[in-house]
Amino acid sequence: AGTAGDFRPVSRLRIIQSWFTDRFHIAGMANISRQFASPGTTATELLSSPDRLVVNYNQHQVEALFDVTRRLTVRGGHRYVWGNAVVRQPTLDFPGDQGAGSLKRNVALAGFRYRAGSRVTVSGDFEASPRNEVYFRTSLAEYQRGRARVSYQILPSLTWTSHYGVLNNQDSQPAVQYDFRSQEVGGSLAWTPNSGRRFSVLADYSYFGLRTSIPTVLPPFYQREVLRYVDHGHHGGAYADLNLSSHLRLNLGGSFSSSGGSRPVRFYQPQARVTAPVAPRLAFTGEWRWYGFTEPQFSFEHFRTHVVLAGFRVSLN
């Protein structure tokens, strides 16, 4: 459930507020089994069962957008997140016990949007949060996140968009000492001559890198070690939409992902789709996809498969 409001005290100032809540409760199959097996089980016993999962999440956000000039808009705001959760602890560690956690996070928000003429648009967003209460050791604790985006309309039918994002997260508590850093940079090109009536092409590419470290205890002798994970790689794809005639439409393309570091992964997915009408309100559609996934360090997880779909589409308009 949630609510939202939009206010304009003056013509150049806009205030947006939103509130969202999510309450997720599961009594668990153990309650159902216990109820059938023990007719005398009371409602209080069921509600206090250690197999219950209870998650309450709430978020309130307020932002102010101000038009400094006709081309420049800046914004600032605040987000407050709070909640709690109750879940059964692992049976081997705490038999029949419950684990409870709480979430409290204050986040400062900032951003801007600048329109340099009719062809170039530059925007940026930033948010930061101090150390607050979180559920997990690897949750966002004391973090800073930034994003920047530039869009350039080279021609009426050709648009280039580039982006950059960075995330820095730490939990400096002595019992945690978690560190996470990631960044991504990339761009996309959209070509839609004549508004895409005959064909259109979309291509995108991005490079990413991350590193993380966290102390842990390893069985069976419970020695303390620092686990480190490094990942870097490439994502990309290209898609073409072709109108071969008024009766035949063809989509071709595919995507790929290639990463290295602690756990290298390769993934490829080419695809093709065809649509052709067979009656005034009936069209045939067929699609082929190929999935290829490999992990050099874990060859037993490799898989390759073809997927073929065929069907008919009915238009009621």
Protein backbone atom coordinates (compact mmCIF):
# COMPACT_ATOMS: atom_id res chain seq x y z
CA ALA A 1 0.00 0.00 0.00
CA GLY A 2 1.14 3.54 -0.57
CA THR A 3 0.22 7.16 -1.18
CA ALA A 4 1.76 10.00 -3.18
CA GLY A 5 1.28 13.74 -3.39
CA ASP A 6 2.48 16.48 -5.72
CA PHE A 7 2.44 20.14 -4.61
CA ARG A 8 3.45 23.39 -6.34
CA PRO A 9 3.72 26.23 -3.79
CA VAL A 10 5.13 28.49 -6.53
CA SER A 11 5.53 28.07 -10.26
CA ARG A 12 9.24 27.13 -10.09
CA LEU A 13 9.05 24.82 -7.06
CA ARG A 14 7.57 21.34 -7.00
CA ILE A 15 7.35 19.14 -3.89
CA ILE A 16 6.74 15.40 -4.21
CA GLN A 17 6.06 13.17 -1.22
CA SER A 18 5.35 9.45 -1.17
CA TRP A 19 4.74 6.81 1.45
CA PHE A 20 4.88 3.04 0.96
CA THR A 21 4.33 0.10 3.28
CA ASP A 22 4.65 -3.65 2.75
CA ARG A 23 3.61 -6.18 5.39
CA PHE A 24 4.53 -9.77 4.65
CA HIS A 25 3.44 -12.48 7.12
CA ILE A 26 3.68 -16.26 6.66
CA ALA A 27 2.66 -18.68 9.40
CA GLY A 28 4.45 -21.61 7.73
CA MET A 29 3.53 -25.17 6.83
CA ALA A 30 4.57 -26.31 10.31
CA ASN A 31 1.56 -24.45 11.73
CA ILE A 32 -0.81 -26.26 9.37
CA SER A 33 0.71 -29.64 10.23
CA ARG A 34 0.57 -28.87 13.95
CA GLN A 35 -3.05 -27.78 13.74
CA PHE A 36 -4.14 -31.01 12.07
CA ALA A 37 -1.96 -33.20 14.29
CA SER A 38 -2.88 -31.45 17.56
CA PRO A 39 -6.53 -30.35 17.64
CA GLY A 40 -5.95 -28.66 20.98
CA THR A 41 -3.44 -26.14 19.62
CA THR A 42 -4.51 -22.61 20.54
CA ALA A 43 -4.36 -19.52 18.35
CA THR A 44 -1.76 -17.98 20.66
CA GLU A 45 0.52 -20.98 20.18
CA LEU A 46 0.16 -20.73 16.42
CA LEU A 47 0.97 -17.01 16.37
CA SER A 48 4.07 -17.56 18.51
CA SER A 49 5.34 -20.46 16.42
CA PRO A 50 9.07 -20.19 15.59
CA ASP A 51 8.26 -21.07 11.95
CA ARG A 52 6.55 -17.74 11.36
CA LEU A 53 8.06 -15.26 8.93
CA VAL A 54 7.11 -11.64 9.58
CA VAL A 55 8.48 -8.74 7.54
CA ASN A 56 7.31 -5.14 7.89
CA TYR A 57 8.76 -2.53 5.52
CA ASN A 58 7.95 1.19 5.40
CA GLN A 59 9.34 4.05 3.35
CA HIS A 60 8.62 7.77 3.33
CA GLN A 61 10.24 10.15 0.85
CA VAL A 62 10.06 13.89 0.27
CA GLU A 63 11.72 15.67 -2.66
CA ALA A 64 11.80 19.29 -3.78
CA LEU A 65 12.48 20.20 -7.43
CA PHE A 66 13.42 23.78 -8.25
CA ASP A 67 13.81 25.32 -11.72
CA VAL A 68 16.90 27.51 -11.36
CA THR A 69 16.67 28.52 -15.02
CA ARG A 70 14.73 27.36 -18.02
CA ARG A 71 17.46 24.78 -18.71
CA LEU A 72 18.57 23.77 -15.18
CA THR A 73 16.53 21.92 -12.57
CA VAL A 74 17.96 20.85 -9.22
CA ARG A 75 16.40 18.62 -6.59
CA GLY A 76 17.00 17.58 -3.00
CA GLY A 77 15.17 15.44 -0.52
CA HIS A 78 15.14 12.88 2.24
CA ARG A 79 14.13 9.22 2.41
CA TYR A 80 13.41 7.41 5.66
CA VAL A 81 13.11 3.62 5.68
CA TRP A 82 12.11 1.58 8.71
CA GLY A 83 10.85 -1.89 9.47
CA ASN A 84 11.37 -5.14 11.34
CA ALA A 85 11.52 -8.87 10.65
CA VAL A 86 11.11 -12.11 12.63
CA VAL A 87 12.28 -15.46 11.28
CA ARG A 88 13.16 -18.88 12.70
CA GLN A 89 16.84 -19.30 13.45
CA PRO A 90 18.77 -22.16 11.78
CA THR A 91 17.79 -25.42 13.48
CA LEU A 92 21.38 -26.55 14.06
CA ASP A 93 22.36 -23.33 15.79
CA PHE A 94 19.31 -22.22 17.74
CA PRO A 95 16.65 -24.98 17.76
CA GLY A 96 13.14 -23.57 18.04
CA ASP A 97 14.38 -20.02 18.57
CA GLN A 98 13.43 -16.87 16.68
CA GLY A 99 15.67 -14.25 15.14
CA ALA A 100 14.51 -10.66 15.06
CA GLY A 101 15.97 -7.68 13.26
CA SER A 102 15.10 -4.06 12.66
CA LEU A 103 15.72 -1.66 9.79
CA LYS A 104 16.24 2.09 10.14
CA ARG A 105 17.84 4.16 7.41
CA ASN A 106 18.04 7.89 6.67
CA VAL A 107 19.05 8.81 3.13
CA ALA A 108 19.92 12.25 1.74
CA LEU A 109 18.94 12.78 -1.91
CA ALA A 110 20.28 15.24 -4.49
CA GLY A 111 20.26 15.61 -8.25
CA PHE A 112 20.11 17.87 -11.27
CA ARG A 113 18.99 17.97 -14.90
CA TYR A 114 20.52 20.33 -17.46
CA ARG A 115 19.30 20.79 -21.04
CA ALA A 116 22.09 22.22 -23.21
CA GLY A 117 20.06 23.23 -26.24
CA SER A 118 17.63 20.90 -27.96
CA ARG A 119 20.05 18.00 -28.49
CA VAL A 120 22.04 17.47 -25.28
CA THR A 121 20.67 16.57 -21.84
CA VAL A 122 22.85 15.94 -18.78
CA SER A 123 21.48 14.57 -15.51
CA GLY A 124 22.92 13.30 -12.26
CA ASP A 125 21.65 11.72 -9.05
CA PHE A 126 23.35 11.21 -5.71
CA GLU A 127 22.26 9.65 -2.43
CA ALA A 128 24.10 8.96 0.81
CA SER A 129 23.25 7.37 4.12
CA PRO A 130 25.07 7.23 7.47
CA ARG A 131 25.42 4.01 9.44
CA ASN A 132 21.98 2.79 10.58
CA GLU A 133 20.28 -0.44 11.61
CA VAL A 134 20.14 -3.08 8.85
CA TYR A 135 19.05 -6.71 8.58
CA PHE A 136 22.15 -8.38 7.15
CA ARG A 137 25.92 -7.97 7.31
CA THR A 138 25.98 -7.28 3.57
CA SER A 139 23.08 -4.79 3.50
CA LEU A 140 23.55 -1.17 2.48
CA ALA A 141 24.86 0.43 5.67
CA GLU A 142 27.00 3.54 5.32
CA TYR A 143 26.87 4.08 1.58
CA GLN A 144 27.13 6.63 -1.20
CA ARG A 145 25.61 6.06 -4.63
CA GLY A 146 25.99 8.29 -7.68
CA ARG A 147 24.70 8.15 -11.25
CA ALA A 148 25.31 10.37 -14.27
CA ARG A 149 23.68 10.27 -17.69
CA VAL A 150 24.27 12.17 -20.95
CA SER A 151 21.94 12.01 -23.95
CA TYR A 152 22.95 13.44 -27.32
CA GLN A 153 20.63 13.51 -30.31
CA ILE A 154 23.13 13.35 -33.17
CA LEU A 155 20.42 13.33 -35.85
CA PRO A 156 16.63 13.34 -35.65
CA SER A 157 16.80 9.57 -36.09
CA LEU A 158 20.05 8.87 -34.19
CA THR A 159 20.48 9.19 -30.41
CA TRP A 160 23.50 8.34 -28.26
CA THR A 161 23.18 7.87 -24.49
CA SER A 162 26.04 7.26 -22.06
CA HIS A 163 25.91 6.56 -18.34
CA TYR A 164 28.18 6.12 -15.34
CA GLY A 165 27.34 4.74 -11.91
CA VAL A 166 29.28 4.14 -8.70
CA LEU A 167 28.38 2.58 -5.34
CA ASN A 168 30.51 2.65 -2.21
CA ASN A 169 29.25 0.77 0.86
CA GLN A 170 30.89 0.01 4.22
CA ASP A 171 29.89 -1.42 7.56
CA SER A 172 32.71 -0.52 9.93
CA GLN A 173 31.37 -2.27 13.01
CA PRO A 174 34.12 -4.40 14.62
CA ALA A 175 32.02 -7.55 14.22
CA VAL A 176 31.31 -6.87 10.52
CA GLN A 177 34.07 -4.88 8.73
CA TYR A 178 32.31 -5.18 5.37
CA ASP A 179 33.55 -3.26 2.33
CA PHE A 180 31.92 -3.08 -1.12
CA ARG A 181 32.76 -0.89 -4.13
CA SER A 182 31.36 -1.08 -7.67
CA GLN A 183 31.20 1.05 -10.79
CA GLU A 184 29.73 0.80 -14.28
CA VAL A 185 30.17 2.82 -17.45
CA GLY A 186 28.51 2.32 -20.80
CA GLY A 187 26.40 3.65 -23.60
CA SER A 188 23.63 2.88 -26.06
CA LEU A 189 22.83 3.89 -29.62
CA ALA A 190 19.32 4.06 -31.05
CA TRP A 191 18.75 4.47 -34.80
CA THR A 192 15.15 4.90 -35.95
CA PRO A 193 15.09 6.36 -39.48
CA ASN A 194 11.71 7.63 -40.56
CA SER A 195 10.41 7.00 -37.01
CA GLY A 196 11.21 3.31 -37.37
CA ARG A 197 8.58 2.60 -39.99
CA ARG A 198 10.87 0.38 -42.08
CA PHE A 199 13.50 -0.64 -39.53
CA SER A 200 15.14 0.38 -36.26
CA VAL A 201 18.37 -0.63 -34.52
CA LEU A 202 19.31 -0.53 -30.84
CA ALA A 203 22.78 -1.40 -29.50
CA ASP A 204 24.18 -1.07 -25.97
CA TYR A 205 27.39 -1.86 -24.13
CA SER A 206 28.63 -1.46 -20.55
CA TYR A 207 31.72 -2.29 -18.55
CA PHE A 208 31.47 -3.03 -14.84
CA GLY A 209 33.81 -3.77 -11.99
CA LEU A 210 33.38 -4.54 -8.30
CA ARG A 211 35.34 -5.72 -5.32
CA THR A 212 34.20 -6.74 -1.87
CA SER A 213 35.69 -8.11 1.34
CA ILE A 214 34.24 -9.35 4.62
CA PRO A 215 35.67 -11.32 7.58
CA THR A 216 34.14 -14.74 8.22
CA VAL A 217 34.59 -17.94 10.23
CA LEU A 218 35.22 -21.12 8.22
CA PRO A 219 34.27 -24.62 9.38
CA PRO A 220 35.27 -27.14 10.57
CA PHE A 221 37.90 -25.51 12.80
CA TYR A 222 36.30 -22.02 12.81
CA GLN A 223 39.40 -20.17 11.75
CA ARG A 224 38.94 -16.50 10.89
CA GLU A 225 39.62 -15.36 7.34
CA VAL A 226 38.78 -12.41 5.12
CA LEU A 227 36.76 -13.38 2.07
CA ARG A 228 37.52 -11.25 -0.99
CA TYR A 229 35.61 -11.23 -4.27
CA VAL A 230 36.60 -9.39 -7.44
CA ASP A 231 34.53 -9.18 -10.61
CA HIS A 232 34.85 -7.21 -13.83
CA GLY A 233 33.44 -7.71 -17.27
CA HIS A 234 31.32 -6.63 -20.20
CA HIS A 235 27.61 -6.60 -21.00
CA GLY A 236 26.14 -5.79 -24.38
CA GLY A 237 23.52 -6.44 -26.97
CA ALA A 238 22.15 -5.43 -30.36
CA TYR A 239 18.63 -5.69 -31.75
CA ALA A 240 17.11 -4.89 -35.14
CA ASP A 241 13.41 -4.56 -35.91
CA LEU A 242 12.69 -5.02 -39.63
CA ASN A 243 9.39 -4.40 -41.42
CA LEU A 244 10.02 -6.44 -44.56
CA SER A 245 6.52 -5.75 -45.85
CA SER A 246 3.10 -4.88 -44.55
CA HIS A 247 2.59 -8.59 -43.89
CA LEU A 248 5.95 -9.63 -42.44
CA ARG A 249 7.90 -8.36 -39.43
CA LEU A 250 11.29 -9.71 -38.33
CA ASN A 251 13.25 -9.11 -35.11
CA LEU A 252 16.90 -10.15 -34.89
CA GLY A 253 19.51 -9.68 -32.21
CA GLY A 254 21.02 -10.98 -29.04
CA SER A 255 22.87 -10.18 -25.84
CA PHE A 256 26.06 -11.31 -24.15
CA SER A 257 27.79 -11.12 -20.77
CA SER A 258 31.43 -11.90 -20.10
CA SER A 259 33.03 -11.48 -16.70
CA GLY A 260 36.37 -12.31 -15.10
CA GLY A 261 37.86 -12.20 -11.65
CA SER A 262 37.05 -14.55 -8.80
CA ARG A 263 34.38 -16.47 -10.75
CA PRO A 264 34.47 -15.97 -14.54
CA VAL A 265 31.18 -16.43 -16.41
CA ARG A 266 30.22 -16.38 -20.09
CA PHE A 267 26.63 -16.02 -21.27
CA TYR A 268 25.23 -15.61 -24.81
CA GLN A 269 21.65 -15.36 -26.00
CA PRO A 270 20.94 -14.80 -29.71
CA GLN A 271 17.31 -14.67 -30.76
CA ALA A 272 14.99 -14.21 -33.75
CA ARG A 273 11.28 -13.53 -33.96
CA VAL A 274 8.92 -13.41 -36.94
CA THR A 275 5.34 -12.12 -37.10
CA ALA A 276 3.05 -12.59 -40.10
CA PRO A 277 -0.71 -12.06 -40.44
CA VAL A 278 -2.82 -15.00 -41.58
CA ALA A 279 -6.24 -13.32 -41.32
CA PRO A 280 -7.58 -9.77 -40.75
CA ARG A 281 -7.45 -10.21 -36.93
CA LEU A 282 -5.14 -13.19 -36.65
CA ALA A 283 -1.32 -13.25 -36.83
CA PHE A 284 1.24 -16.01 -36.54
CA THR A 285 4.28 -15.47 -34.34
CA GLY A 286 7.37 -17.65 -34.03
CA GLU A 287 10.47 -17.20 -31.91
CA TRP A 288 13.86 -18.92 -31.53
CA ARG A 289 16.37 -18.38 -28.73
CA TRP A 290 19.66 -20.02 -27.87
CA TYR A 291 21.10 -19.95 -24.38
CA GLY A 292 24.79 -20.59 -23.76
CA PHE A 293 26.23 -20.43 -20.24
CA THR A 294 29.74 -21.45 -19.15
CA GLU A 295 31.79 -21.19 -15.96
CA PRO A 296 35.44 -22.19 -16.48
CA GLN A 297 35.90 -23.05 -12.79
CA PHE A 298 32.67 -25.10 -12.54
CA SER A 299 32.24 -27.00 -15.79
CA PHE A 300 29.36 -29.07 -14.39
CA GLU A 301 27.21 -25.91 -14.44
CA HIS A 302 27.61 -25.39 -18.21
CA PHE A 303 24.44 -25.51 -20.23
CA ARG A 304 23.36 -24.87 -23.82
CA THR A 305 19.85 -25.12 -25.12
CA HIS A 306 17.53 -24.05 -27.94
CA VAL A 307 14.05 -22.70 -27.24
CA VAL A 308 11.44 -22.54 -30.01
CA LEU A 309 8.07 -20.88 -29.50
CA ALA A 310 5.14 -20.68 -31.91
CA GLY A 311 1.63 -19.35 -31.53
CA PHE A 312 -1.13 -17.11 -32.83
CA ARG A 313 -2.08 -13.60 -31.79
CA VAL A 314 -5.68 -12.40 -31.93
CA SER A 315 -6.51 -8.70 -32.17
CA LEU A 316 -9.93 -7.64 -30.88
CA ASN A 317 -9.70 -4.03 -32.05
